[in-house]
Amino acid sequence: MLRVFRFLFLSAIKILGRIFYRFDFEWVGTPPQRPFERIRLNILLNHTSLLEPVVLSLLPFSYLWKTAGEAAFPAADITMNRSVAGTLYAALAPHPISISRRRDHTWRKFLELASGGALIFMTPEGRMKRLNGLDKHGKLMTVRRGVAEVLREIDDGDMLVMHSGGLHHVLAPGWKFPRLFKEIRFRFELLPIVGYKRFLDANRSGFEERVIADLEERRDRHCFSPATREAVELQAA
């Protein structure tokens, strides 16, 4: 019964997203005929807003049903402890894991879910980009090594990389209310996990660093338009 209610909640987000926003959406490359059939890991790059569950608007209802019954995701305890945001996020999946910023039992619990066959969702940068293009500590946004640790636990299926064009124009950190009727940009990229780990040589030391470098390169290539990409490169320099 909980799965039904969760599916209805996810479906409502999908439908409302389609009503209130326009989507600039494309696949990177040519996806298979049924791209959502074998996904084990979903990652969203260019994390800018708590409104990013609007990406559900681009997922088929069949995948939302699977999500409602099998999904797990890590969320910062500071977010999950908020009365409204924490409640809404907890309703998105059967296994929302409130994690600290340390490699403690909360992170180990999440890795156990990944190795146990859960459908994993995560934002590998681990924190939100502010309006100045940096994180809340004034540092450049980087991918954290946690996504590589998750990849080590999964040996089948596909990884869906959801490249976000950013939602600062819709709901930036610190804003109380979202702006409606804006265009939101996403690019989806599907990568076979076994092939991806072979490509980055998961059995050799330095795998985590290679995952970070590869995902950051993909993010900077696919998340941004040419104009915003140039701005990011100038900022990094």
C-alpha atoms as a PDB file:
ATOM      1  CA  MET A   1       0.000   0.000   0.000  1.00  0.00           C
ATOM      2  CA  LEU A   2       2.844   2.396   0.793  1.00  0.00           C
ATOM      3  CA  ARG A   3       4.260   1.740  -2.665  1.00  0.00           C
ATOM      4  CA  VAL A   4       0.958   2.832  -4.235  1.00  0.00           C
ATOM      5  CA  PHE A   5       0.867   6.081  -2.278  1.00  0.00           C
ATOM      6  CA  ARG A   6       4.524   6.739  -3.074  1.00  0.00           C
ATOM      7  CA  PHE A   7       3.883   6.084  -6.762  1.00  0.00           C
ATOM      8  CA  LEU A   8       0.958   8.515  -6.714  1.00  0.00           C
ATOM      9  CA  PHE A   9       3.170  11.145  -5.093  1.00  0.00           C
ATOM     10  CA  LEU A  10       5.911  10.680  -7.698  1.00  0.00           C
ATOM     11  CA  SER A  11       3.317  10.757 -10.482  1.00  0.00           C
ATOM     12  CA  ALA A  12       1.877  13.992  -9.107  1.00  0.00           C
ATOM     13  CA  ILE A  13       5.347  15.592  -9.221  1.00  0.00           C
ATOM     14  CA  LYS A  14       5.737  14.402 -12.816  1.00  0.00           C
ATOM     15  CA  ILE A  15       2.369  15.787 -13.902  1.00  0.00           C
ATOM     16  CA  LEU A  16       2.744  19.114 -12.072  1.00  0.00           C
ATOM     17  CA  GLY A  17       6.214  19.522 -13.540  1.00  0.00           C
ATOM     18  CA  ARG A  18       4.799  19.073 -17.026  1.00  0.00           C
ATOM     19  CA  ILE A  19       2.059  21.609 -16.307  1.00  0.00           C
ATOM     20  CA  PHE A  20       4.216  24.359 -14.826  1.00  0.00           C
ATOM     21  CA  TYR A  21       7.506  24.011 -16.728  1.00  0.00           C
ATOM     22  CA  ARG A  22       8.871  23.535 -20.229  1.00  0.00           C
ATOM     23  CA  PHE A  23      11.686  21.038 -20.731  1.00  0.00           C
ATOM     24  CA  ASP A  24      14.644  21.251 -23.080  1.00  0.00           C
ATOM     25  CA  PHE A  25      15.515  17.555 -23.067  1.00  0.00           C
ATOM     26  CA  GLU A  26      17.770  15.325 -25.182  1.00  0.00           C
ATOM     27  CA  TRP A  27      19.684  12.070 -24.838  1.00  0.00           C
ATOM     28  CA  VAL A  28      23.458  12.085 -25.171  1.00  0.00           C
ATOM     29  CA  GLY A  29      23.970   9.597 -27.978  1.00  0.00           C
ATOM     30  CA  THR A  30      21.317   7.123 -29.063  1.00  0.00           C
ATOM     31  CA  PRO A  31      19.630   5.281 -26.177  1.00  0.00           C
ATOM     32  CA  PRO A  32      18.405   1.681 -26.480  1.00  0.00           C
ATOM     33  CA  GLN A  33      14.756   1.029 -27.263  1.00  0.00           C
ATOM     34  CA  ARG A  34      13.909   0.609 -23.555  1.00  0.00           C
ATOM     35  CA  PRO A  35      16.504   2.806 -21.800  1.00  0.00           C
ATOM     36  CA  PHE A  36      15.026   2.531 -18.291  1.00  0.00           C
ATOM     37  CA  GLU A  37      14.885  -1.256 -18.188  1.00  0.00           C
ATOM     38  CA  ARG A  38      18.326  -2.045 -16.689  1.00  0.00           C
ATOM     39  CA  ILE A  39      19.181   1.057 -14.640  1.00  0.00           C
ATOM     40  CA  ARG A  40      20.750   0.445 -11.223  1.00  0.00           C
ATOM     41  CA  LEU A  41      22.305   3.842 -10.514  1.00  0.00           C
ATOM     42  CA  ASN A  42      20.869   7.314 -11.215  1.00  0.00           C
ATOM     43  CA  ILE A  43      23.077  10.346 -10.669  1.00  0.00           C
ATOM     44  CA  LEU A  44      22.270  14.028 -11.121  1.00  0.00           C
ATOM     45  CA  LEU A  45      25.135  16.385 -11.928  1.00  0.00           C
ATOM     46  CA  ASN A  46      25.201  20.172 -11.439  1.00  0.00           C
ATOM     47  CA  HIS A  47      23.225  20.150  -8.180  1.00  0.00           C
ATOM     48  CA  THR A  48      21.694  23.621  -7.812  1.00  0.00           C
ATOM     49  CA  SER A  49      18.296  23.347  -6.129  1.00  0.00           C
ATOM     50  CA  LEU A  50      16.005  21.423  -3.789  1.00  0.00           C
ATOM     51  CA  LEU A  51      13.483  21.459  -6.650  1.00  0.00           C
ATOM     52  CA  GLU A  52      15.493  18.946  -8.688  1.00  0.00           C
ATOM     53  CA  PRO A  53      12.926  16.156  -8.156  1.00  0.00           C
ATOM     54  CA  VAL A  54      11.199  17.944 -11.052  1.00  0.00           C
ATOM     55  CA  VAL A  55      13.399  15.657 -13.179  1.00  0.00           C
ATOM     56  CA  LEU A  56      10.754  13.018 -12.450  1.00  0.00           C
ATOM     57  CA  SER A  57       8.721  14.746 -15.162  1.00  0.00           C
ATOM     58  CA  LEU A  58      11.064  13.154 -17.709  1.00  0.00           C
ATOM     59  CA  LEU A  59      10.793   9.605 -16.358  1.00  0.00           C
ATOM     60  CA  PRO A  60       8.138   7.142 -17.579  1.00  0.00           C
ATOM     61  CA  PHE A  61       5.390   6.037 -15.205  1.00  0.00           C
ATOM     62  CA  SER A  62       6.734   2.471 -15.301  1.00  0.00           C
ATOM     63  CA  TYR A  63      10.058   3.719 -13.925  1.00  0.00           C
ATOM     64  CA  LEU A  64       8.287   5.738 -11.253  1.00  0.00           C
ATOM     65  CA  TRP A  65       6.551   2.536 -10.148  1.00  0.00           C
ATOM     66  CA  LYS A  66       9.923   0.807  -9.872  1.00  0.00           C
ATOM     67  CA  THR A  67      11.300   3.814  -7.997  1.00  0.00           C
ATOM     68  CA  ALA A  68       8.385   3.733  -5.560  1.00  0.00           C
ATOM     69  CA  GLY A  69       9.221   0.155  -4.599  1.00  0.00           C
ATOM     70  CA  GLU A  70      13.006  -0.135  -4.848  1.00  0.00           C
ATOM     71  CA  ALA A  71      14.733   3.262  -4.644  1.00  0.00           C
ATOM     72  CA  ALA A  72      17.254   4.463  -2.096  1.00  0.00           C
ATOM     73  CA  PHE A  73      19.046   7.783  -1.913  1.00  0.00           C
ATOM     74  CA  PRO A  74      21.388   9.559   0.508  1.00  0.00           C
ATOM     75  CA  ALA A  75      20.502  13.040   1.730  1.00  0.00           C
ATOM     76  CA  ALA A  76      22.354  15.320   4.093  1.00  0.00           C
ATOM     77  CA  ASP A  77      21.005  15.109   7.631  1.00  0.00           C
ATOM     78  CA  ILE A  78      20.673  18.906   7.665  1.00  0.00           C
ATOM     79  CA  THR A  79      18.184  18.604   4.802  1.00  0.00           C
ATOM     80  CA  MET A  80      16.317  15.599   6.138  1.00  0.00           C
ATOM     81  CA  ASN A  81      15.912  17.322   9.518  1.00  0.00           C
ATOM     82  CA  ARG A  82      13.967  20.200   7.973  1.00  0.00           C
ATOM     83  CA  SER A  83      10.269  19.886   8.713  1.00  0.00           C
ATOM     84  CA  VAL A  84       8.951  20.449   5.176  1.00  0.00           C
ATOM     85  CA  ALA A  85      11.844  19.509   2.898  1.00  0.00           C
ATOM     86  CA  GLY A  86      12.732  16.459   4.978  1.00  0.00           C
ATOM     87  CA  THR A  87       9.174  15.152   4.960  1.00  0.00           C
ATOM     88  CA  LEU A  88       8.789  15.609   1.209  1.00  0.00           C
ATOM     89  CA  TYR A  89      12.147  14.009   0.438  1.00  0.00           C
ATOM     90  CA  ALA A  90      11.382  11.056   2.694  1.00  0.00           C
ATOM     91  CA  ALA A  91       8.218  10.419   0.671  1.00  0.00           C
ATOM     92  CA  LEU A  92      10.148  10.041  -2.593  1.00  0.00           C
ATOM     93  CA  ALA A  93      11.554   6.559  -1.975  1.00  0.00           C
ATOM     94  CA  PRO A  94      11.244   3.584   0.376  1.00  0.00           C
ATOM     95  CA  HIS A  95      14.865   3.952   1.546  1.00  0.00           C
ATOM     96  CA  PRO A  96      15.834   7.609   2.128  1.00  0.00           C
ATOM     97  CA  ILE A  97      19.093   7.536   4.101  1.00  0.00           C
ATOM     98  CA  SER A  98      19.939  10.550   6.233  1.00  0.00           C
ATOM     99  CA  ILE A  99      23.734  10.762   6.204  1.00  0.00           C
ATOM    100  CA  SER A 100      26.305  12.812   8.053  1.00  0.00           C
ATOM    101  CA  ARG A 101      29.341  14.262   6.324  1.00  0.00           C
ATOM    102  CA  ARG A 102      31.534  11.460   7.676  1.00  0.00           C
ATOM    103  CA  ARG A 103      32.213   7.878   6.610  1.00  0.00           C
ATOM    104  CA  ASP A 104      30.200   6.467   9.498  1.00  0.00           C
ATOM    105  CA  HIS A 105      27.394   3.919   9.923  1.00  0.00           C
ATOM    106  CA  THR A 106      24.954   6.060   7.898  1.00  0.00           C
ATOM    107  CA  TRP A 107      27.148   5.816   4.791  1.00  0.00           C
ATOM    108  CA  ARG A 108      27.822   2.119   5.338  1.00  0.00           C
ATOM    109  CA  LYS A 109      24.067   1.512   5.504  1.00  0.00           C
ATOM    110  CA  PHE A 110      23.659   3.213   2.143  1.00  0.00           C
ATOM    111  CA  LEU A 111      26.438   1.140   0.567  1.00  0.00           C
ATOM    112  CA  GLU A 112      24.743  -2.014   1.854  1.00  0.00           C
ATOM    113  CA  LEU A 113      21.553  -0.994   0.044  1.00  0.00           C
ATOM    114  CA  ALA A 114      23.551  -0.438  -3.162  1.00  0.00           C
ATOM    115  CA  SER A 115      25.160  -3.878  -2.973  1.00  0.00           C
ATOM    116  CA  GLY A 116      21.805  -5.418  -2.023  1.00  0.00           C
ATOM    117  CA  GLY A 117      20.113  -4.463  -5.282  1.00  0.00           C
ATOM    118  CA  ALA A 118      18.356  -1.192  -4.449  1.00  0.00           C
ATOM    119  CA  LEU A 119      17.735   1.332  -7.227  1.00  0.00           C
ATOM    120  CA  ILE A 120      20.150   4.106  -6.279  1.00  0.00           C
ATOM    121  CA  PHE A 121      19.651   7.853  -6.773  1.00  0.00           C
ATOM    122  CA  MET A 122      22.286  10.380  -5.742  1.00  0.00           C
ATOM    123  CA  THR A 123      23.800  13.807  -6.390  1.00  0.00           C
ATOM    124  CA  PRO A 124      27.548  13.031  -6.450  1.00  0.00           C
ATOM    125  CA  GLU A 125      28.648  16.612  -5.782  1.00  0.00           C
ATOM    126  CA  GLY A 126      27.169  16.266  -2.317  1.00  0.00           C
ATOM    127  CA  ARG A 127      26.189  19.903  -1.871  1.00  0.00           C
ATOM    128  CA  MET A 128      24.359  22.617  -3.782  1.00  0.00           C
ATOM    129  CA  LYS A 129      25.864  25.245  -6.028  1.00  0.00           C
ATOM    130  CA  ARG A 130      25.031  28.789  -4.919  1.00  0.00           C
ATOM    131  CA  LEU A 131      24.183  31.712  -7.193  1.00  0.00           C
ATOM    132  CA  ASN A 132      27.859  32.705  -7.368  1.00  0.00           C
ATOM    133  CA  GLY A 133      28.729  29.336  -8.944  1.00  0.00           C
ATOM    134  CA  LEU A 134      30.455  28.035  -5.803  1.00  0.00           C
ATOM    135  CA  ASP A 135      29.338  25.919  -2.852  1.00  0.00           C
ATOM    136  CA  LYS A 136      28.300  27.495   0.465  1.00  0.00           C
ATOM    137  CA  HIS A 137      31.946  27.519   1.598  1.00  0.00           C
ATOM    138  CA  GLY A 138      33.047  29.467  -1.485  1.00  0.00           C
ATOM    139  CA  LYS A 139      34.711  26.489  -3.158  1.00  0.00           C
ATOM    140  CA  LEU A 140      34.346  25.179  -6.708  1.00  0.00           C
ATOM    141  CA  MET A 141      31.834  22.374  -7.146  1.00  0.00           C
ATOM    142  CA  THR A 142      33.501  18.993  -7.411  1.00  0.00           C
ATOM    143  CA  VAL A 143      32.290  15.409  -7.568  1.00  0.00           C
ATOM    144  CA  ARG A 144      32.872  13.531  -4.305  1.00  0.00           C
ATOM    145  CA  ARG A 145      34.406  10.062  -4.138  1.00  0.00           C
ATOM    146  CA  GLY A 146      31.207   8.516  -2.729  1.00  0.00           C
ATOM    147  CA  VAL A 147      29.834   7.792  -6.203  1.00  0.00           C
ATOM    148  CA  ALA A 148      32.908   5.664  -6.963  1.00  0.00           C
ATOM    149  CA  GLU A 149      32.363   3.736  -3.734  1.00  0.00           C
ATOM    150  CA  VAL A 150      28.786   3.060  -4.836  1.00  0.00           C
ATOM    151  CA  LEU A 151      29.979   1.934  -8.270  1.00  0.00           C
ATOM    152  CA  ARG A 152      32.265  -0.619  -6.603  1.00  0.00           C
ATOM    153  CA  GLU A 153      29.171  -2.196  -5.031  1.00  0.00           C
ATOM    154  CA  ILE A 154      27.264  -2.631  -8.318  1.00  0.00           C
ATOM    155  CA  ASP A 155      28.240  -5.148 -10.992  1.00  0.00           C
ATOM    156  CA  ASP A 156      25.273  -5.135 -13.338  1.00  0.00           C
ATOM    157  CA  GLY A 157      22.869  -2.845 -15.156  1.00  0.00           C
ATOM    158  CA  ASP A 158      23.253   0.739 -16.332  1.00  0.00           C
ATOM    159  CA  MET A 159      24.057   4.131 -14.852  1.00  0.00           C
ATOM    160  CA  LEU A 160      21.766   7.013 -15.852  1.00  0.00           C
ATOM    161  CA  VAL A 161      23.612  10.330 -15.712  1.00  0.00           C
ATOM    162  CA  MET A 162      21.150  13.225 -15.553  1.00  0.00           C
ATOM    163  CA  HIS A 163      22.995  16.372 -16.625  1.00  0.00           C
ATOM    164  CA  SER A 164      21.088  19.367 -15.264  1.00  0.00           C
ATOM    165  CA  GLY A 165      21.328  22.771 -16.889  1.00  0.00           C
ATOM    166  CA  GLY A 166      20.700  24.246 -13.448  1.00  0.00           C
ATOM    167  CA  LEU A 167      17.622  25.508 -11.604  1.00  0.00           C
ATOM    168  CA  HIS A 168      18.841  28.797 -10.152  1.00  0.00           C
ATOM    169  CA  HIS A 169      16.291  30.576 -12.318  1.00  0.00           C
ATOM    170  CA  VAL A 170      13.524  28.427 -10.795  1.00  0.00           C
ATOM    171  CA  LEU A 171      14.447  27.926  -7.114  1.00  0.00           C
ATOM    172  CA  ALA A 172      17.911  28.967  -5.987  1.00  0.00           C
ATOM    173  CA  PRO A 173      19.265  28.075  -2.525  1.00  0.00           C
ATOM    174  CA  GLY A 174      17.695  30.433  -0.007  1.00  0.00           C
ATOM    175  CA  TRP A 175      14.594  31.217  -2.052  1.00  0.00           C
ATOM    176  CA  LYS A 176      11.280  30.375  -0.379  1.00  0.00           C
ATOM    177  CA  PHE A 177       9.089  29.944  -3.452  1.00  0.00           C
ATOM    178  CA  PRO A 178       9.786  28.593  -6.958  1.00  0.00           C
ATOM    179  CA  ARG A 179       9.225  30.568 -10.138  1.00  0.00           C
ATOM    180  CA  LEU A 180       6.788  28.933 -12.541  1.00  0.00           C
ATOM    181  CA  PHE A 181       6.609  28.569 -16.329  1.00  0.00           C
ATOM    182  CA  LYS A 182      10.387  28.537 -16.853  1.00  0.00           C
ATOM    183  CA  GLU A 183      12.350  26.297 -19.214  1.00  0.00           C
ATOM    184  CA  ILE A 184      14.448  23.579 -17.562  1.00  0.00           C
ATOM    185  CA  ARG A 185      17.307  21.851 -19.380  1.00  0.00           C
ATOM    186  CA  PHE A 186      18.345  18.221 -18.951  1.00  0.00           C
ATOM    187  CA  ARG A 187      20.564  15.870 -20.918  1.00  0.00           C
ATOM    188  CA  PHE A 188      20.395  12.136 -20.119  1.00  0.00           C
ATOM    189  CA  GLU A 189      23.364   9.817 -20.669  1.00  0.00           C
ATOM    190  CA  LEU A 190      23.158   6.031 -20.274  1.00  0.00           C
ATOM    191  CA  LEU A 191      26.341   4.117 -19.418  1.00  0.00           C
ATOM    192  CA  PRO A 192      26.643   0.318 -18.883  1.00  0.00           C
ATOM    193  CA  ILE A 193      28.152  -0.048 -15.409  1.00  0.00           C
ATOM    194  CA  VAL A 194      30.409  -3.036 -16.169  1.00  0.00           C
ATOM    195  CA  GLY A 195      31.771  -1.340 -19.278  1.00  0.00           C
ATOM    196  CA  TYR A 196      32.218   1.965 -17.439  1.00  0.00           C
ATOM    197  CA  LYS A 197      34.170   0.304 -14.627  1.00  0.00           C
ATOM    198  CA  ARG A 198      36.299  -1.550 -17.170  1.00  0.00           C
ATOM    199  CA  PHE A 199      36.927   1.710 -19.058  1.00  0.00           C
ATOM    200  CA  LEU A 200      38.155   3.360 -15.849  1.00  0.00           C
ATOM    201  CA  ASP A 201      40.010   0.223 -14.692  1.00  0.00           C
ATOM    202  CA  ALA A 202      38.213  -0.368 -11.393  1.00  0.00           C
ATOM    203  CA  ASN A 203      40.742  -3.037 -10.376  1.00  0.00           C
ATOM    204  CA  ARG A 204      43.653  -0.613 -10.388  1.00  0.00           C
ATOM    205  CA  SER A 205      44.422   1.929  -7.667  1.00  0.00           C
ATOM    206  CA  GLY A 206      43.178   5.451  -8.283  1.00  0.00           C
ATOM    207  CA  PHE A 207      39.741   4.346  -9.506  1.00  0.00           C
ATOM    208  CA  GLU A 208      37.956   6.927  -7.357  1.00  0.00           C
ATOM    209  CA  GLU A 209      40.037   9.781  -8.777  1.00  0.00           C
ATOM    210  CA  ARG A 210      39.381   8.609 -12.345  1.00  0.00           C
ATOM    211  CA  VAL A 211      35.631   8.458 -11.705  1.00  0.00           C
ATOM    212  CA  ILE A 212      35.690  11.992 -10.303  1.00  0.00           C
ATOM    213  CA  ALA A 213      37.658  13.357 -13.256  1.00  0.00           C
ATOM    214  CA  ASP A 214      35.459  11.584 -15.807  1.00  0.00           C
ATOM    215  CA  LEU A 215      32.146  12.704 -14.292  1.00  0.00           C
ATOM    216  CA  GLU A 216      33.327  16.277 -13.916  1.00  0.00           C
ATOM    217  CA  GLU A 217      34.386  16.310 -17.575  1.00  0.00           C
ATOM    218  CA  ARG A 218      30.998  14.908 -18.640  1.00  0.00           C
ATOM    219  CA  ARG A 219      29.212  17.424 -16.436  1.00  0.00           C
ATOM    220  CA  ASP A 220      31.081  20.389 -17.875  1.00  0.00           C
ATOM    221  CA  ARG A 221      30.492  19.115 -21.414  1.00  0.00           C
ATOM    222  CA  HIS A 222      26.783  18.310 -21.195  1.00  0.00           C
ATOM    223  CA  CYS A 223      25.249  20.391 -18.397  1.00  0.00           C
ATOM    224  CA  PHE A 224      25.977  23.814 -19.758  1.00  0.00           C
ATOM    225  CA  SER A 225      25.281  25.772 -22.897  1.00  0.00           C
ATOM    226  CA  PRO A 226      28.378  27.143 -24.704  1.00  0.00           C
ATOM    227  CA  ALA A 227      27.967  30.528 -22.961  1.00  0.00           C
ATOM    228  CA  THR A 228      27.717  29.110 -19.435  1.00  0.00           C
ATOM    229  CA  ARG A 229      30.522  26.637 -20.139  1.00  0.00           C
ATOM    230  CA  GLU A 230      32.811  29.538 -21.063  1.00  0.00           C
ATOM    231  CA  ALA A 231      31.885  31.304 -17.821  1.00  0.00           C
ATOM    232  CA  VAL A 232      32.676  28.188 -15.773  1.00  0.00           C
ATOM    233  CA  GLU A 233      36.069  27.819 -17.475  1.00  0.00           C
ATOM    234  CA  LEU A 234      36.923  31.459 -16.801  1.00  0.00           C
ATOM    235  CA  GLN A 235      35.876  31.075 -13.170  1.00  0.00           C
ATOM    236  CA  ALA A 236      38.005  27.953 -12.739  1.00  0.00           C
ATOM    237  CA  ALA A 237      41.003  29.744 -14.230  1.00  0.00           C
END
